């Protein structure tokens, strides 16, 4: 559940992007709450030049979750930005990396995108971090299938984006093109799904006892391929909401994820560019997709 929530949050926070393809850098620290308990910290970094972008997110378990199971994860996405004075700027992903580590299992995955055709291909390694022994998807405790899921067909991987790049794209479509609803196809290395994002009018919200002027963006998942029927139902009933600051930075101040079984909240607690000391203990995603402490 934690890993699924983290990946969904990666997609949702991936909306972080300025209105135009201008040079910008953000480094933000979020506190992850589940049932009122502090279970983790997440670092989001975003750097953009006029023609390229790179976004990374990392998560480290804290509090009771860390006591029960030490867990860390990270994803990164990088690619080009294309467009013109008359066309909306669109991200073209080139590389996506995901890594997570628990006491007895770990995973590294790299996805590449053909710059000519847009075809996404991925390679994943599952292993025991203590022994180095190779694991399979069937070894994962949450896997109840007796046989592996089929690979996502090539035709469904053409033109699909990684979870983070997909929402950079959605963010630009909502902000620049003025769209109120955007559907983006996503391939995460194992499954294909769409995420539909809907923007609301700006309003005031109280977040951590402070009132902010925000733009709410609500997202939901539509499974396409690689899900079991019960998993499809859980995905459809889930919803994510991001409250963006209604200013020129347009950064996520709060992320809310939930379904009928659980609800988690991510709150922005520090701007690491302005207060580096507040972010010294969190891990960040490295260039090869692993996570490392500052």
Protein backbone atom coordinates (compact mmCIF):
# COMPACT_ATOMS: atom_id res chain seq x y z
CA UNK A 1 0.00 0.00 0.00
CA UNK A 2 2.82 2.42 0.89
CA UNK A 3 4.69 1.85 -2.37
CA UNK A 4 1.51 2.22 -4.43
CA UNK A 5 0.67 5.45 -2.61
CA UNK A 6 4.19 6.76 -3.18
CA UNK A 7 4.10 6.06 -6.91
CA UNK A 8 0.69 7.73 -7.21
CA UNK A 9 2.03 10.70 -5.26
CA UNK A 10 5.01 10.84 -7.61
CA UNK A 11 2.64 11.18 -10.50
CA UNK A 12 0.50 13.76 -8.77
CA UNK A 13 3.37 15.91 -7.49
CA UNK A 14 4.89 15.61 -10.95
CA UNK A 15 2.54 18.46 -11.83
CA UNK A 16 5.18 20.77 -10.40
CA UNK A 17 6.22 22.94 -13.33
CA UNK A 18 6.22 26.63 -14.18
CA UNK A 19 3.74 28.15 -16.60
CA UNK A 20 6.29 28.61 -19.36
CA UNK A 21 9.50 26.75 -20.19
CA UNK A 22 11.66 29.16 -18.23
CA UNK A 23 14.66 28.37 -16.08
CA UNK A 24 13.50 27.32 -12.62
CA UNK A 25 14.71 25.19 -9.73
CA UNK A 26 12.66 23.96 -6.79
CA UNK A 27 13.69 21.73 -3.87
CA UNK A 28 10.82 21.06 -1.49
CA UNK A 29 10.34 18.88 1.59
CA UNK A 30 7.00 17.22 2.39
CA UNK A 31 5.76 15.48 5.53
CA UNK A 32 3.67 12.36 4.88
CA UNK A 33 0.80 11.69 7.28
CA UNK A 34 -1.37 8.55 7.48
CA UNK A 35 -4.22 8.45 9.96
CA UNK A 36 -2.76 11.45 11.76
CA UNK A 37 0.66 9.77 12.16
CA UNK A 38 3.90 11.03 10.62
CA UNK A 39 5.06 8.03 8.56
CA UNK A 40 7.54 9.54 6.14
CA UNK A 41 9.28 12.49 4.52
CA UNK A 42 9.46 13.18 0.79
CA UNK A 43 11.82 15.41 -1.16
CA UNK A 44 10.77 16.86 -4.52
CA UNK A 45 13.31 18.51 -6.79
CA UNK A 46 12.59 20.16 -10.12
CA UNK A 47 14.99 21.82 -12.51
CA UNK A 48 14.07 23.24 -15.90
CA UNK A 49 15.79 25.09 -18.69
CA UNK A 50 14.00 26.43 -21.80
CA UNK A 51 14.38 23.08 -23.58
CA UNK A 52 14.77 20.37 -20.90
CA UNK A 53 13.47 19.27 -17.50
CA UNK A 54 14.42 16.92 -14.68
CA UNK A 55 12.18 15.98 -11.74
CA UNK A 56 13.00 13.65 -8.86
CA UNK A 57 11.14 12.50 -5.77
CA UNK A 58 12.42 10.49 -2.82
CA UNK A 59 10.72 9.10 0.27
CA UNK A 60 12.09 7.86 3.59
CA UNK A 61 10.02 6.16 6.29
CA UNK A 62 9.71 7.90 9.65
CA UNK A 63 8.10 7.32 13.05
CA UNK A 64 6.11 4.13 13.57
CA UNK A 65 6.54 3.02 9.95
CA UNK A 66 10.32 3.22 10.26
CA UNK A 67 10.16 1.22 13.49
CA UNK A 68 8.04 -1.46 11.79
CA UNK A 69 9.86 -1.49 8.45
CA UNK A 70 12.65 0.75 7.26
CA UNK A 71 11.72 1.78 3.73
CA UNK A 72 13.03 4.23 1.15
CA UNK A 73 12.09 4.93 -2.45
CA UNK A 74 12.90 7.33 -5.24
CA UNK A 75 11.95 8.15 -8.81
CA UNK A 76 13.38 10.52 -11.40
CA UNK A 77 12.29 11.64 -14.84
CA UNK A 78 14.14 13.70 -17.42
CA UNK A 79 13.57 14.74 -20.98
CA UNK A 80 13.09 17.57 -23.45
CA UNK A 81 10.52 20.34 -23.70
CA UNK A 82 9.16 21.03 -27.17
CA UNK A 83 6.78 23.63 -28.51
CA UNK A 84 6.65 27.04 -30.10
CA UNK A 85 5.23 30.49 -29.59
CA UNK A 86 1.86 29.23 -30.85
CA UNK A 87 1.86 25.63 -29.52
CA UNK A 88 1.66 24.51 -25.88
CA UNK A 89 4.97 23.34 -24.49
CA UNK A 90 5.02 19.56 -24.04
CA UNK A 91 7.52 17.32 -22.24
CA UNK A 92 9.11 14.52 -24.26
CA UNK A 93 10.45 12.00 -21.71
CA UNK A 94 13.78 10.29 -22.37
CA UNK A 95 14.59 8.38 -19.16
CA UNK A 96 12.66 7.36 -16.05
CA UNK A 97 14.18 5.61 -13.05
CA UNK A 98 12.55 4.07 -10.00
CA UNK A 99 14.16 2.41 -6.98
CA UNK A 100 12.87 1.22 -3.62
CA UNK A 101 14.38 -0.71 -0.73
CA UNK A 102 12.86 -2.62 2.19
CA UNK A 103 14.69 -4.96 4.60
CA UNK A 104 14.16 -8.15 2.56
CA UNK A 105 13.34 -6.91 -0.92
CA UNK A 106 14.37 -4.15 -3.28
CA UNK A 107 13.83 -3.04 -6.85
CA UNK A 108 15.55 -0.92 -9.47
CA UNK A 109 13.87 -0.08 -12.77
CA UNK A 110 14.97 2.00 -15.73
CA UNK A 111 12.71 3.05 -18.59
CA UNK A 112 13.90 4.54 -21.87
CA UNK A 113 11.83 6.31 -24.51
CA UNK A 114 12.69 6.16 -28.20
CA UNK A 115 13.05 9.86 -29.17
CA UNK A 116 11.78 9.10 -32.69
CA UNK A 117 8.78 6.83 -32.06
CA UNK A 118 8.00 7.51 -28.39
CA UNK A 119 8.05 3.77 -27.60
CA UNK A 120 8.75 3.08 -23.92
CA UNK A 121 10.84 0.07 -22.88
CA UNK A 122 11.78 -0.89 -19.35
CA UNK A 123 14.08 -3.21 -17.43
CA UNK A 124 13.57 -4.07 -13.76
CA UNK A 125 15.67 -5.94 -11.20
CA UNK A 126 14.11 -7.40 -8.04
CA UNK A 127 16.52 -8.64 -5.38
CA UNK A 128 17.17 -9.20 -1.68
CA UNK A 129 19.27 -6.18 -0.55
CA UNK A 130 20.94 -8.20 2.23
CA UNK A 131 22.02 -11.20 0.16
CA UNK A 132 21.83 -9.95 -3.42
CA UNK A 133 19.67 -12.95 -4.36
CA UNK A 134 17.41 -12.38 -7.37
CA UNK A 135 13.68 -12.20 -6.71
CA UNK A 136 10.67 -12.36 -9.05
CA UNK A 137 7.34 -10.49 -9.04
CA UNK A 138 5.74 -13.69 -7.72
CA UNK A 139 7.98 -13.43 -4.62
CA UNK A 140 6.45 -10.11 -3.61
CA UNK A 141 4.13 -10.51 -0.58
CA UNK A 142 1.35 -8.46 -2.20
CA UNK A 143 1.30 -10.63 -5.33
CA UNK A 144 -1.57 -13.14 -5.15
CA UNK A 145 -1.32 -14.35 -8.75
CA UNK A 146 -0.13 -17.84 -9.59
CA UNK A 147 1.25 -16.76 -12.96
CA UNK A 148 2.98 -13.56 -14.13
CA UNK A 149 0.98 -10.75 -15.65
CA UNK A 150 1.44 -10.45 -19.42
CA UNK A 151 3.72 -7.73 -20.72
CA UNK A 152 2.07 -4.51 -21.85
CA UNK A 153 1.71 -4.68 -25.65
CA UNK A 154 3.92 -2.41 -27.71
CA UNK A 155 0.95 -0.54 -29.18
CA UNK A 156 -0.10 0.53 -25.65
CA UNK A 157 3.42 1.73 -24.82
CA UNK A 158 3.68 3.97 -27.88
CA UNK A 159 3.21 7.58 -26.86
CA UNK A 160 2.73 6.79 -23.17
CA UNK A 161 4.66 8.80 -20.58
CA UNK A 162 6.23 7.84 -17.30
CA UNK A 163 4.19 8.80 -14.19
CA UNK A 164 6.14 11.99 -13.50
CA UNK A 165 6.45 13.30 -17.07
CA UNK A 166 2.74 12.63 -17.59
CA UNK A 167 1.79 15.16 -15.00
CA UNK A 168 4.33 17.70 -16.10
CA UNK A 169 2.41 17.44 -19.37
CA UNK A 170 -0.98 17.72 -17.67
CA UNK A 171 0.17 20.72 -15.64
CA UNK A 172 1.28 22.58 -18.76
CA UNK A 173 -1.98 21.73 -20.55
CA UNK A 174 -4.06 23.05 -17.66
CA UNK A 175 -1.97 26.13 -17.01
CA UNK A 176 -0.98 27.21 -20.53
CA UNK A 177 -3.74 25.84 -22.75
CA UNK A 178 -6.48 26.59 -20.23
CA UNK A 179 -7.86 23.05 -20.25
CA UNK A 180 -10.06 22.15 -17.29
CA UNK A 181 -9.64 18.38 -17.79
CA UNK A 182 -6.67 16.47 -19.19
CA UNK A 183 -6.21 12.72 -19.82
CA UNK A 184 -2.62 11.46 -20.10
CA UNK A 185 -1.53 7.88 -20.95
CA UNK A 186 1.02 6.37 -18.52
CA UNK A 187 3.29 3.32 -18.61
CA UNK A 188 5.06 2.62 -15.32
CA UNK A 189 7.16 -0.35 -16.42
CA UNK A 190 4.54 -2.97 -15.65
CA UNK A 191 1.10 -1.49 -16.23
CA UNK A 192 -0.70 0.93 -18.53
CA UNK A 193 -3.25 3.38 -17.21
CA UNK A 194 -4.55 6.87 -17.81
CA UNK A 195 -4.72 9.63 -15.24
CA UNK A 196 -7.46 12.19 -15.67
CA UNK A 197 -6.83 15.54 -13.99
CA UNK A 198 -9.48 18.20 -13.41
CA UNK A 199 -8.71 21.77 -12.35
CA UNK A 200 -11.05 23.86 -10.18
CA UNK A 201 -11.27 27.60 -9.69
CA UNK A 202 -8.91 29.19 -7.15
CA UNK A 203 -10.08 29.29 -3.55
CA UNK A 204 -8.83 29.66 0.01
CA UNK A 205 -7.70 26.63 2.03
CA UNK A 206 -6.31 26.28 5.52
CA UNK A 207 -3.19 24.13 5.50
CA UNK A 208 -1.22 23.56 8.71
CA UNK A 209 -3.12 26.39 10.42
CA UNK A 210 -2.33 28.88 7.66
CA UNK A 211 -4.71 30.19 5.00
CA UNK A 212 -3.52 29.96 1.41
CA UNK A 213 -4.91 30.95 -1.97
CA UNK A 214 -4.72 27.70 -3.96
CA UNK A 215 -5.72 26.07 -7.24
CA UNK A 216 -7.13 22.56 -6.58
CA UNK A 217 -6.38 19.84 -9.15
CA UNK A 218 -8.12 16.49 -8.68
CA UNK A 219 -6.79 13.31 -10.33
CA UNK A 220 -8.18 9.82 -10.82
CA UNK A 221 -6.81 6.66 -12.41
CA UNK A 222 -8.37 4.70 -15.27
CA UNK A 223 -6.73 1.23 -15.60
CA UNK A 224 -5.94 0.12 -19.17
CA UNK A 225 -3.75 -3.02 -19.00
CA UNK A 226 -1.97 -5.16 -16.42
CA UNK A 227 -4.48 -5.04 -13.55
CA UNK A 228 -6.50 -7.78 -11.91
CA UNK A 229 -10.25 -7.01 -11.62
CA UNK A 230 -10.16 -6.24 -7.88
CA UNK A 231 -7.10 -4.04 -8.37
CA UNK A 232 -8.90 -2.15 -11.13
CA UNK A 233 -11.79 -1.42 -8.77
CA UNK A 234 -9.42 -0.11 -6.08
CA UNK A 235 -7.62 2.08 -8.58
CA UNK A 236 -10.86 3.56 -9.91
CA UNK A 237 -12.19 4.40 -6.46
CA UNK A 238 -9.00 6.21 -5.44
CA UNK A 239 -8.55 9.93 -5.87
CA UNK A 240 -5.72 12.40 -5.51
CA UNK A 241 -5.98 16.12 -4.94
CA UNK A 242 -3.16 18.64 -5.19
CA UNK A 243 -3.52 22.15 -3.80
CA UNK A 244 -1.16 24.41 -5.77
CA UNK A 245 -0.10 27.83 -4.59
CA UNK A 246 -1.95 30.39 -6.72
CA UNK A 247 1.15 32.40 -7.57
CA UNK A 248 3.88 32.42 -10.20
CA UNK A 249 5.70 29.45 -8.59
CA UNK A 250 2.55 27.27 -8.57
CA UNK A 251 4.05 24.68 -6.21
CA UNK A 252 2.07 21.92 -4.43
CA UNK A 253 1.27 22.95 -0.85
CA UNK A 254 -0.69 19.80 -0.02
CA UNK A 255 -1.33 16.42 -1.66
CA UNK A 256 -4.26 14.27 -0.50
CA UNK A 257 -4.51 10.61 -1.59
CA UNK A 258 -7.23 8.21 -0.60
CA UNK A 259 -9.83 5.53 -1.23
CA UNK A 260 -12.32 3.62 0.92
CA UNK A 261 -9.50 1.88 2.80
CA UNK A 262 -7.09 4.69 3.68
CA UNK A 263 -6.27 8.37 3.31
CA UNK A 264 -2.85 10.00 3.40
CA UNK A 265 -1.76 13.64 3.29
CA UNK A 266 1.51 15.22 2.17
CA UNK A 267 2.14 18.75 3.42
CA UNK A 268 4.86 21.11 2.26
CA UNK A 269 6.99 21.83 5.34
CA UNK A 270 10.20 23.40 3.98
CA UNK A 271 11.66 25.14 0.96
CA UNK A 272 15.13 23.59 0.85
CA UNK A 273 16.58 26.25 -1.41
CA UNK A 274 15.83 28.81 1.30
CA UNK A 275 16.34 26.54 4.35
CA UNK A 276 18.86 23.76 3.51
CA UNK A 277 19.23 22.70 7.14
CA UNK A 278 15.58 21.62 7.30
CA UNK A 279 16.20 19.11 4.52
CA UNK A 280 19.56 17.67 5.57
CA UNK A 281 18.22 14.31 6.79
CA UNK A 282 16.07 13.33 3.82
CA UNK A 283 17.28 11.08 1.01
CA UNK A 284 17.34 12.21 -2.60
CA UNK A 285 17.26 10.33 -5.88
CA UNK A 286 20.69 10.04 -7.51
CA UNK A 287 21.44 10.03 -11.23
CA UNK A 288 21.25 6.21 -11.43
CA UNK A 289 17.88 6.01 -9.73
CA UNK A 290 19.16 4.94 -6.30
CA UNK A 291 18.51 6.93 -3.15
CA UNK A 292 21.22 8.52 -1.02
CA UNK A 293 21.31 10.65 2.11
CA UNK A 294 22.34 14.29 1.97
